[in-house]
Amino acid sequence: MFTWYSRNWYNVGAAIFVILALCMGFWGNGNLDRLTIILVYSFMALLCHQFEEYRLPGGGRAGRLQGAAGSPPGTALQKGLHRAHA
């Protein structure tokens, strides 16, 4: 059990994020004071960030452009980079 959790803790965090999002959407905003709402949303942002960093690594478009900078000259990626910076 612990081995599974140690390899999938970010997925558990994503499930907690979904549960908190539903709870805050239906019941949280009207029943909690402002500070608690801020803390819950901050925790949700942390869970979302950890899932993104560990389950979906990479930089999206920026990461692909950095990888393209080392590609041979004249490739489609290099031409796109030159066009984007011109």
N, C-alpha and C. Protein backbone atom coordinates (compact mmCIF):
# COMPACT_ATOMS: atom_id res chain seq x y z
N MET A 1 0.82 -1.20 0.00
CA MET A 1 0.00 0.00 0.00
C MET A 1 0.86 1.26 0.00
N PHE A 2 1.88 1.28 0.85
CA PHE A 2 2.73 2.47 0.91
C PHE A 2 3.52 2.66 -0.38
N THR A 3 3.94 1.56 -1.00
CA THR A 3 4.67 1.66 -2.25
C THR A 3 3.79 2.26 -3.34
N TRP A 4 2.53 1.84 -3.38
CA TRP A 4 1.61 2.41 -4.36
C TRP A 4 1.42 3.90 -4.12
N TYR A 5 1.22 4.27 -2.86
CA TYR A 5 1.00 5.68 -2.54
C TYR A 5 2.24 6.51 -2.85
N SER A 6 3.42 5.98 -2.55
CA SER A 6 4.63 6.76 -2.80
C SER A 6 4.87 6.98 -4.29
N ARG A 7 4.30 6.14 -5.13
CA ARG A 7 4.43 6.31 -6.58
C ARG A 7 3.27 7.09 -7.19
N ASN A 8 2.17 7.26 -6.46
CA ASN A 8 0.97 7.89 -7.02
C ASN A 8 0.41 9.00 -6.13
N TRP A 9 1.21 9.59 -5.28
CA TRP A 9 0.68 10.58 -4.34
C TRP A 9 0.12 11.80 -5.06
N TYR A 10 0.68 12.17 -6.20
CA TYR A 10 0.18 13.33 -6.94
C TYR A 10 -1.19 13.03 -7.55
N ASN A 11 -1.47 11.77 -7.89
CA ASN A 11 -2.80 11.41 -8.37
C ASN A 11 -3.83 11.48 -7.24
N VAL A 12 -3.41 11.08 -6.04
CA VAL A 12 -4.30 11.21 -4.87
C VAL A 12 -4.59 12.69 -4.62
N GLY A 13 -3.57 13.51 -4.77
CA GLY A 13 -3.77 14.96 -4.62
C GLY A 13 -4.74 15.52 -5.64
N ALA A 14 -4.69 15.00 -6.87
CA ALA A 14 -5.64 15.45 -7.90
C ALA A 14 -7.06 15.06 -7.53
N ALA A 15 -7.23 13.87 -6.95
CA ALA A 15 -8.57 13.44 -6.52
C ALA A 15 -9.07 14.32 -5.37
N ILE A 16 -8.17 14.66 -4.45
CA ILE A 16 -8.55 15.57 -3.36
C ILE A 16 -8.91 16.93 -3.92
N PHE A 17 -8.19 17.39 -4.95
CA PHE A 17 -8.51 18.67 -5.59
C PHE A 17 -9.93 18.65 -6.16
N VAL A 18 -10.29 17.58 -6.84
CA VAL A 18 -11.63 17.48 -7.44
C VAL A 18 -12.69 17.49 -6.35
N ILE A 19 -12.46 16.76 -5.28
CA ILE A 19 -13.43 16.73 -4.17
C ILE A 19 -13.57 18.11 -3.54
N LEU A 20 -12.43 18.78 -3.30
CA LEU A 20 -12.49 20.12 -2.73
C LEU A 20 -13.17 21.12 -3.68
N ALA A 21 -12.92 20.98 -4.97
CA ALA A 21 -13.56 21.88 -5.93
C ALA A 21 -15.07 21.73 -5.89
N LEU A 22 -15.54 20.49 -5.83
CA LEU A 22 -16.98 20.27 -5.75
C LEU A 22 -17.55 20.81 -4.43
N CYS A 23 -16.86 20.53 -3.34
CA CYS A 23 -17.34 21.01 -2.03
C CYS A 23 -17.37 22.53 -1.97
N MET A 24 -16.31 23.17 -2.46
CA MET A 24 -16.27 24.63 -2.42
C MET A 24 -17.29 25.23 -3.38
N GLY A 25 -17.51 24.57 -4.51
CA GLY A 25 -18.47 25.08 -5.47
C GLY A 25 -19.90 25.01 -4.98
N PHE A 26 -20.23 23.95 -4.28
CA PHE A 26 -21.61 23.78 -3.83
C PHE A 26 -21.87 24.37 -2.45
N TRP A 27 -20.90 24.23 -1.51
CA TRP A 27 -21.18 24.61 -0.13
C TRP A 27 -20.19 25.57 0.50
N GLY A 28 -18.99 25.67 -0.02
CA GLY A 28 -17.92 26.34 0.71
C GLY A 28 -17.99 27.85 0.80
N ASN A 29 -18.30 28.52 -0.29
CA ASN A 29 -18.18 29.97 -0.29
C ASN A 29 -19.13 30.66 0.67
N GLY A 30 -20.30 30.14 0.85
CA GLY A 30 -21.26 30.79 1.74
C GLY A 30 -21.13 30.39 3.19
N ASN A 31 -20.52 29.26 3.47
CA ASN A 31 -20.48 28.73 4.82
C ASN A 31 -19.16 28.96 5.55
N LEU A 32 -18.13 29.41 4.86
CA LEU A 32 -16.82 29.58 5.47
C LEU A 32 -16.44 31.05 5.52
N ASP A 33 -15.59 31.39 6.49
CA ASP A 33 -15.14 32.79 6.55
C ASP A 33 -14.05 33.01 5.48
N ARG A 34 -13.71 34.27 5.24
CA ARG A 34 -12.81 34.62 4.13
C ARG A 34 -11.45 33.96 4.24
N LEU A 35 -10.87 33.96 5.42
CA LEU A 35 -9.55 33.39 5.59
C LEU A 35 -9.54 31.90 5.27
N THR A 36 -10.53 31.17 5.71
CA THR A 36 -10.61 29.74 5.42
C THR A 36 -10.79 29.50 3.93
N ILE A 37 -11.57 30.31 3.27
CA ILE A 37 -11.75 30.19 1.82
C ILE A 37 -10.43 30.41 1.10
N ILE A 38 -9.69 31.43 1.50
CA ILE A 38 -8.39 31.70 0.89
C ILE A 38 -7.44 30.53 1.12
N LEU A 39 -7.42 29.98 2.32
CA LEU A 39 -6.54 28.86 2.62
C LEU A 39 -6.91 27.61 1.82
N VAL A 40 -8.19 27.35 1.68
CA VAL A 40 -8.62 26.17 0.91
C VAL A 40 -8.25 26.34 -0.56
N TYR A 41 -8.51 27.51 -1.13
CA TYR A 41 -8.15 27.73 -2.53
C TYR A 41 -6.64 27.71 -2.73
N SER A 42 -5.89 28.17 -1.77
CA SER A 42 -4.43 28.09 -1.86
C SER A 42 -3.97 26.64 -1.84
N PHE A 43 -4.55 25.83 -0.98
CA PHE A 43 -4.22 24.41 -0.93
C PHE A 43 -4.59 23.72 -2.23
N MET A 44 -5.74 24.11 -2.80
CA MET A 44 -6.15 23.54 -4.08
C MET A 44 -5.15 23.91 -5.19
N ALA A 45 -4.65 25.14 -5.15
CA ALA A 45 -3.65 25.55 -6.14
C ALA A 45 -2.37 24.73 -5.98
N LEU A 46 -1.98 24.46 -4.74
CA LEU A 46 -0.81 23.63 -4.49
C LEU A 46 -1.01 22.22 -5.04
N LEU A 47 -2.17 21.64 -4.81
CA LEU A 47 -2.45 20.30 -5.32
C LEU A 47 -2.42 20.26 -6.84
N CYS A 48 -3.00 21.28 -7.45
CA CYS A 48 -3.02 21.36 -8.91
C CYS A 48 -1.60 21.52 -9.46
N HIS A 49 -0.80 22.34 -8.81
CA HIS A 49 0.58 22.56 -9.24
C HIS A 49 1.41 21.28 -9.11
N GLN A 50 1.25 20.57 -8.01
CA GLN A 50 2.01 19.33 -7.84
C GLN A 50 1.62 18.29 -8.88
N PHE A 51 0.33 18.19 -9.18
CA PHE A 51 -0.11 17.25 -10.21
C PHE A 51 0.51 17.63 -11.56
N GLU A 52 0.50 18.90 -11.87
CA GLU A 52 1.05 19.37 -13.14
C GLU A 52 2.55 19.11 -13.22
N GLU A 53 3.27 19.33 -12.13
CA GLU A 53 4.72 19.16 -12.14
C GLU A 53 5.13 17.70 -12.21
N TYR A 54 4.44 16.81 -11.50
CA TYR A 54 4.89 15.43 -11.40
C TYR A 54 4.19 14.48 -12.38
N ARG A 55 2.95 14.74 -12.72
CA ARG A 55 2.22 13.87 -13.64
C ARG A 55 2.36 14.34 -15.08
N LEU A 56 2.43 15.63 -15.29
CA LEU A 56 2.52 16.21 -16.63
C LEU A 56 3.79 17.05 -16.75
N PRO A 57 4.98 16.45 -16.64
CA PRO A 57 6.20 17.25 -16.67
C PRO A 57 6.45 17.85 -18.05
N GLY A 58 7.21 18.89 -18.07
CA GLY A 58 7.51 19.58 -19.31
C GLY A 58 7.02 21.00 -19.24
N GLY A 59 7.33 21.78 -20.24
CA GLY A 59 6.98 23.18 -20.20
C GLY A 59 5.93 23.58 -21.20
N GLY A 60 5.25 22.62 -21.81
CA GLY A 60 4.27 22.98 -22.82
C GLY A 60 4.95 23.58 -24.03
N ARG A 61 4.41 24.64 -24.55
CA ARG A 61 4.98 25.29 -25.74
C ARG A 61 6.38 25.81 -25.46
N ALA A 62 6.61 26.41 -24.32
CA ALA A 62 7.93 26.96 -24.02
C ALA A 62 8.98 25.85 -23.97
N GLY A 63 8.64 24.70 -23.39
CA GLY A 63 9.57 23.58 -23.33
C GLY A 63 9.89 23.03 -24.71
N ARG A 64 8.90 23.00 -25.59
CA ARG A 64 9.13 22.51 -26.94
C ARG A 64 10.02 23.47 -27.71
N LEU A 65 9.84 24.77 -27.50
CA LEU A 65 10.68 25.75 -28.20
C LEU A 65 12.12 25.68 -27.72
N GLN A 66 12.34 25.44 -26.45
CA GLN A 66 13.70 25.30 -25.95
C GLN A 66 14.36 24.08 -26.55
N GLY A 67 13.63 22.99 -26.68
CA GLY A 67 14.18 21.79 -27.30
C GLY A 67 14.45 22.01 -28.78
N ALA A 68 13.66 22.84 -29.42
CA ALA A 68 13.84 23.08 -30.85
C ALA A 68 15.08 23.91 -31.12
N ALA A 69 15.54 24.68 -30.16
CA ALA A 69 16.70 25.54 -30.38
C ALA A 69 17.95 24.72 -30.68
N GLY A 70 18.01 23.48 -30.20
CA GLY A 70 19.16 22.64 -30.46
C GLY A 70 19.01 21.77 -31.70
N SER A 71 17.91 21.92 -32.43
CA SER A 71 17.71 21.10 -33.62
C SER A 71 18.54 21.65 -34.78
N PRO A 72 18.80 20.83 -35.79
CA PRO A 72 19.63 21.27 -36.91
C PRO A 72 19.01 22.46 -37.64
N PRO A 73 19.84 23.37 -38.16
CA PRO A 73 19.31 24.53 -38.89
C PRO A 73 18.52 24.09 -40.12
N GLY A 74 17.50 24.84 -40.44
CA GLY A 74 16.70 24.56 -41.61
C GLY A 74 15.52 23.65 -41.37
N THR A 75 15.40 23.09 -40.16
CA THR A 75 14.25 22.24 -39.88
C THR A 75 13.02 23.11 -39.68
N ALA A 76 11.89 22.48 -39.71
CA ALA A 76 10.63 23.22 -39.56
C ALA A 76 10.57 23.93 -38.22
N LEU A 77 11.09 23.29 -37.17
CA LEU A 77 11.06 23.93 -35.85
C LEU A 77 11.93 25.18 -35.83
N GLN A 78 13.10 25.11 -36.44
CA GLN A 78 13.98 26.28 -36.48
C GLN A 78 13.35 27.40 -37.30
N LYS A 79 12.72 27.07 -38.42
CA LYS A 79 12.07 28.09 -39.23
C LYS A 79 10.95 28.75 -38.44
N GLY A 80 10.21 27.96 -37.67
CA GLY A 80 9.15 28.52 -36.84
C GLY A 80 9.71 29.43 -35.77
N LEU A 81 10.85 29.07 -35.20
CA LEU A 81 11.48 29.91 -34.18
C LEU A 81 11.92 31.24 -34.78
N HIS A 82 12.53 31.20 -35.96
CA HIS A 82 12.99 32.45 -36.58
C HIS A 82 11.81 33.34 -36.94
N ARG A 83 10.73 32.73 -37.41
CA ARG A 83 9.54 33.49 -37.75
C ARG A 83 8.92 34.11 -36.51
N ALA A 84 8.96 33.38 -35.40
CA ALA A 84 8.36 33.89 -34.16
C ALA A 84 9.17 35.03 -33.57
N HIS A 85 10.49 35.02 -33.77
CA HIS A 85 11.34 36.06 -33.18
C HIS A 85 11.54 37.24 -34.13
N ALA A 86 11.10 37.14 -35.36
CA ALA A 86 11.31 38.21 -36.33
C ALA A 86 10.33 39.34 -36.14
